[in-house]
Protein backbone atom coordinates (compact mmCIF):
# COMPACT_ATOMS: atom_id res chain seq x y z
CA MET A 1 54.84 155.16 261.20
CA ASN A 2 54.76 152.23 258.83
CA GLN A 3 57.92 151.67 256.83
CA PRO A 4 57.45 150.92 253.14
CA LYS A 5 57.94 147.27 252.40
CA THR A 6 60.87 146.34 250.23
CA ALA A 7 60.19 143.74 247.63
CA SER A 8 62.17 140.59 248.32
CA PRO A 9 64.56 139.63 245.55
CA SER A 10 63.41 137.01 243.13
CA PRO A 11 65.11 133.62 243.44
CA THR A 12 66.45 134.10 239.93
CA GLN A 13 67.91 137.55 240.65
CA PRO A 14 71.26 138.20 242.37
CA ARG A 15 71.15 139.28 246.02
CA ASN A 16 73.11 142.26 247.38
CA GLY A 17 74.55 142.95 243.93
CA HIS A 18 77.14 140.16 244.24
CA GLY A 19 75.60 137.65 241.86
CA ASN A 20 77.29 139.02 238.74
CA GLY A 21 80.69 138.15 240.12
CA HIS A 22 79.75 134.48 240.22
CA LYS A 23 78.32 134.29 236.72
CA VAL A 24 79.63 131.24 234.89
CA SER A 25 81.36 132.04 231.61
CA GLN A 26 79.36 130.37 228.85
CA ARG A 27 82.34 130.61 226.55
CA GLY A 28 84.51 128.76 229.07
CA LEU A 29 81.78 126.17 229.58
CA PHE A 30 81.48 125.55 225.83
CA SER A 31 85.27 125.31 225.62
CA ILE A 32 85.26 122.53 228.22
CA ILE A 33 82.38 120.71 226.54
CA THR A 34 83.98 120.84 223.09
CA PHE A 35 87.27 119.65 224.61
CA LEU A 36 85.60 116.59 226.11
CA VAL A 37 83.67 115.86 222.92
CA THR A 38 86.81 116.18 220.78
CA THR A 39 88.96 113.91 222.92
CA THR A 40 86.17 111.32 223.15
CA LEU A 41 85.55 111.23 219.41
CA LEU A 42 89.22 111.19 218.40
CA THR A 43 90.04 108.52 220.96
CA ALA A 44 87.17 106.38 219.67
CA ALA A 45 88.33 106.93 216.08
CA PHE A 46 91.93 105.95 216.80
CA LEU A 47 90.98 102.91 218.86
CA GLY A 48 88.62 101.79 216.10
CA GLY A 49 91.30 102.43 213.50
CA ALA A 50 93.81 100.40 215.51
CA ARG A 51 91.39 97.48 215.59
CA LEU A 52 90.93 97.70 211.81
CA VAL A 53 94.69 97.72 211.28
CA ILE A 54 95.14 94.67 213.50
CA ASP A 55 92.48 92.83 211.50
CA VAL A 56 94.13 93.74 208.21
CA LEU A 57 97.65 92.84 209.34
CA ASN A 58 96.50 89.54 210.81
CA GLU A 59 96.80 87.29 207.77
CA GLY A 60 95.50 84.34 209.75
CA LEU A 61 91.97 85.76 209.66
CA GLU A 62 90.04 84.17 206.81
CA ASN A 63 87.43 86.92 206.76
CA ALA A 64 89.64 89.90 207.61
CA PHE A 65 87.91 92.12 205.06
CA GLU A 66 84.35 90.96 205.62
CA GLY A 67 82.16 93.93 206.46
CA ILE A 68 85.18 96.23 206.66
CA TRP A 69 83.49 98.98 204.66
CA TYR A 70 80.97 99.89 207.40
CA LYS A 71 83.71 99.75 210.03
CA VAL A 72 85.74 102.24 207.98
CA ILE A 73 82.69 104.51 207.66
CA VAL A 74 82.08 104.50 211.41
CA VAL A 75 85.73 105.25 212.21
CA GLY A 76 85.84 107.95 209.53
CA ILE A 77 82.71 109.68 210.87
CA ALA A 78 84.10 109.65 214.43
CA TYR A 79 87.36 111.21 213.22
CA LEU A 80 85.60 113.82 211.06
CA LEU A 81 83.27 114.91 213.86
CA GLY A 82 86.16 115.10 216.32
CA TRP A 83 88.15 117.13 213.80
CA ILE A 84 85.31 119.62 213.28
CA VAL A 85 84.60 120.04 217.00
CA ALA A 86 88.33 120.52 217.65
CA LEU A 87 88.43 123.35 215.11
CA VAL A 88 85.45 125.04 216.76
CA SER A 89 86.92 124.61 220.23
CA ILE A 90 90.28 126.12 219.25
CA ARG A 91 89.30 128.76 216.68
CA VAL A 92 86.03 129.94 218.25
CA TYR A 93 86.30 129.29 221.99
CA SER A 94 90.10 129.78 222.15
CA ASN A 95 90.77 126.52 223.98
CA LEU A 96 94.42 126.65 225.05
CA ILE A 97 94.80 123.05 226.22
CA LEU A 98 93.34 121.29 223.19
CA PRO A 99 96.19 122.28 220.80
CA ILE A 100 98.62 120.53 223.16
CA VAL A 101 96.41 117.44 223.22
CA ILE A 102 96.02 117.48 219.43
CA ASN A 103 99.79 117.68 219.06
CA LEU A 104 100.13 114.62 221.32
CA TYR A 105 97.54 112.82 219.19
CA ALA A 106 99.58 113.71 216.08
CA TRP A 107 102.77 112.29 217.58
CA GLY A 108 100.89 109.18 218.68
CA CYS A 109 99.55 108.81 215.16
CA LEU A 110 103.10 109.11 213.77
CA ILE A 111 104.38 106.44 216.17
CA ALA A 112 101.54 104.14 215.14
CA VAL A 113 102.27 104.75 211.44
CA CYS A 114 105.98 103.97 211.90
CA ALA A 115 105.12 100.79 213.83
CA MET A 116 102.71 99.72 211.07
CA TYR A 117 105.37 100.56 208.50
CA LEU A 118 107.88 98.21 210.16
CA VAL A 119 105.32 95.40 210.31
CA VAL A 120 104.44 95.92 206.65
CA LEU A 121 108.15 95.86 205.72
CA GLN A 122 108.44 92.44 207.30
CA ARG A 123 105.47 91.22 205.22
CA LEU A 124 106.91 92.71 202.03
CA TYR A 125 110.31 91.17 202.67
CA MET A 126 108.84 87.69 203.14
CA GLN A 127 107.01 88.01 199.77
CA LYS A 128 104.11 85.83 200.93
CA TYR A 129 101.25 88.26 200.50
CA ASP A 130 98.58 88.63 197.83
CA MET A 131 97.60 91.83 196.06
CA VAL A 132 94.51 92.30 198.22
CA HIS A 133 96.68 92.51 201.32
CA TYR A 134 99.24 94.65 199.50
CA TRP A 135 96.68 97.32 198.63
CA ALA A 136 95.32 97.04 202.17
CA TYR A 137 98.82 97.69 203.54
CA LEU A 138 99.24 100.72 201.31
CA THR A 139 95.78 102.02 202.18
CA ILE A 140 96.27 101.85 205.94
CA MET A 141 99.63 103.60 205.63
CA VAL A 142 98.17 106.43 203.54
CA GLY A 143 95.14 106.59 205.86
CA GLY A 144 97.35 106.88 208.94
CA LEU A 145 99.41 109.65 207.35
CA GLY A 146 96.21 111.40 206.23
CA ALA A 147 94.86 111.32 209.79
CA MET A 148 98.12 112.84 211.05
CA VAL A 149 98.03 115.60 208.43
CA GLY A 150 94.40 116.33 209.38
CA LEU A 151 95.47 116.90 212.98
CA HIS A 152 98.26 119.13 211.69
CA LEU A 153 95.70 121.39 209.98
CA ILE A 154 93.79 121.98 213.21
CA ILE A 155 96.63 123.83 214.94
CA GLU A 156 97.74 127.18 213.56
CA GLY A 157 101.49 127.43 212.97
CA HIS A 158 101.99 123.68 213.33
CA GLU A 159 104.95 122.23 211.36
CA LEU A 160 105.36 118.77 209.90
CA ARG A 161 109.14 118.87 209.52
CA PRO A 162 109.90 117.09 212.82
CA PHE A 163 107.33 114.42 211.91
CA SER A 164 109.17 113.59 208.70
CA ILE A 165 112.40 112.45 210.41
CA PRO A 166 111.14 109.11 211.86
CA LEU A 167 109.33 108.40 208.59
CA LEU A 168 112.50 109.02 206.56
CA ILE A 169 114.47 106.70 208.85
CA VAL A 170 112.01 103.84 208.32
CA ASN A 171 111.95 104.66 204.61
CA LEU A 172 115.74 104.27 204.52
CA VAL A 173 115.37 100.91 206.26
CA GLN A 174 112.95 99.84 203.54
CA PHE A 175 115.40 100.75 200.78
CA CYS A 176 118.17 98.80 202.50
CA LEU A 177 115.86 95.79 202.77
CA ILE A 178 115.01 96.04 199.07
CA VAL A 179 118.70 96.07 198.15
CA TYR A 180 119.47 93.16 200.45
CA ARG A 181 116.45 91.13 199.31
CA TYR A 182 117.13 91.38 195.58
CA VAL A 183 120.94 91.42 195.62
CA PHE A 184 122.20 89.37 198.55
CA THR A 185 119.55 86.66 199.04
CA LEU A 186 119.40 83.48 196.98
CA ASP A 187 115.68 83.25 196.24
CA PRO A 188 114.22 86.69 195.48
CA ASN A 189 111.06 86.79 193.43
CA PRO A 190 111.53 89.53 190.79
CA ASP A 191 107.77 89.78 190.31
CA TYR A 192 107.59 91.66 193.62
CA LEU A 193 110.27 94.22 192.76
CA TRP A 194 108.04 96.85 191.16
CA ILE A 195 105.47 96.38 193.90
CA ASP A 196 108.11 97.02 196.57
CA LEU A 197 109.46 100.04 194.71
CA PHE A 198 106.00 101.55 194.29
CA PHE A 199 105.34 101.23 198.02
CA TYR A 200 108.75 102.76 198.73
CA ILE A 201 108.18 105.72 196.39
CA VAL A 202 104.74 106.51 197.85
CA MET A 203 106.11 106.62 201.39
CA LEU A 204 109.19 108.57 200.28
CA VAL A 205 107.07 111.24 198.58
CA PHE A 206 105.04 111.69 201.76
CA ALA A 207 108.18 112.06 203.85
CA ILE A 208 109.87 114.50 201.45
CA LEU A 209 106.78 116.71 201.19
CA MET A 210 106.59 116.84 204.98
CA LEU A 211 110.31 117.67 205.26
CA ALA A 212 110.30 120.27 202.47
CA HIS A 213 107.31 122.09 204.01
CA ILE A 214 106.52 123.62 200.62
CA GLY A 215 103.22 125.01 201.84
CA ALA A 216 100.96 122.75 199.82
CA LEU A 217 98.47 122.73 202.69
CA GLU A 218 98.64 126.47 203.40
CA PRO A 219 95.72 127.40 201.07
CA LEU A 220 93.46 125.00 202.95
CA ARG A 221 94.72 126.26 206.32
CA ASN A 222 94.19 129.88 205.24
CA THR A 223 90.67 129.05 204.05
CA LEU A 224 89.83 127.58 207.45
CA THR A 225 91.31 130.61 209.20
CA ARG A 226 89.34 133.08 207.08
CA PHE A 227 86.13 131.10 207.61
CA PHE A 228 86.43 131.15 211.39
CA ASP A 229 87.58 134.79 211.45
CA ARG A 230 84.43 135.73 209.53
CA ASN A 231 82.01 133.61 211.53
CA SER A 232 83.51 133.52 215.02
CA LYS A 233 81.57 136.64 216.08
CA VAL A 234 78.34 134.91 215.18
CA ILE A 235 79.22 131.62 216.88
CA ARG A 236 81.09 132.98 219.88
CA THR A 237 79.02 133.55 223.04
CA GLU A 238 79.82 136.62 225.07
CA ASP A 239 81.09 136.08 228.60
């Protein structure tokens, strides 16, 4: 008696009912991809930013600011894209490793800002800079702090208070240098006094706002949270 033939399973169908157990999680895959994209973009942005800072701080370069605008645009786009992908990876795909990496990036950014701050203090103390370089110094300091605050917004529950301590220490060093320069040295140029004080006040305000943690950034953080809470079901891929 002929036995009925059983249709052989299709190559795209699981055999013996065990295929479902080996299904790759698309959500996990997207989490890994967004992690790699984020770290690549942010690393490129910070390396590019470091090169820009070196060019600005190097007063020996005659054309330090030539074509700097398109370099700033490229670095800014890399940072912005990395920032957006990091938000998606953490808020949508629940990446647990990326917040740790972002926190390390934030601390690295703070260390770089403090190092730049010390170099700028040496330039301010010598009083041998022009106003173009002065505004460039102030811009790179504010830009570095802005990049750090942007990383702070990515992570929920992240605090800036610990980040304010090193900044306040360097800020105190600056005030001591101002006092020493204009009181204890023989040849201070009073024309630089208000310039030094303005730089000092800008950096002090940043440090105090970070230390006070008054919640000035909470509305923006809450807006981001509500946006991803509303849209995560649409973006998220089921396992």
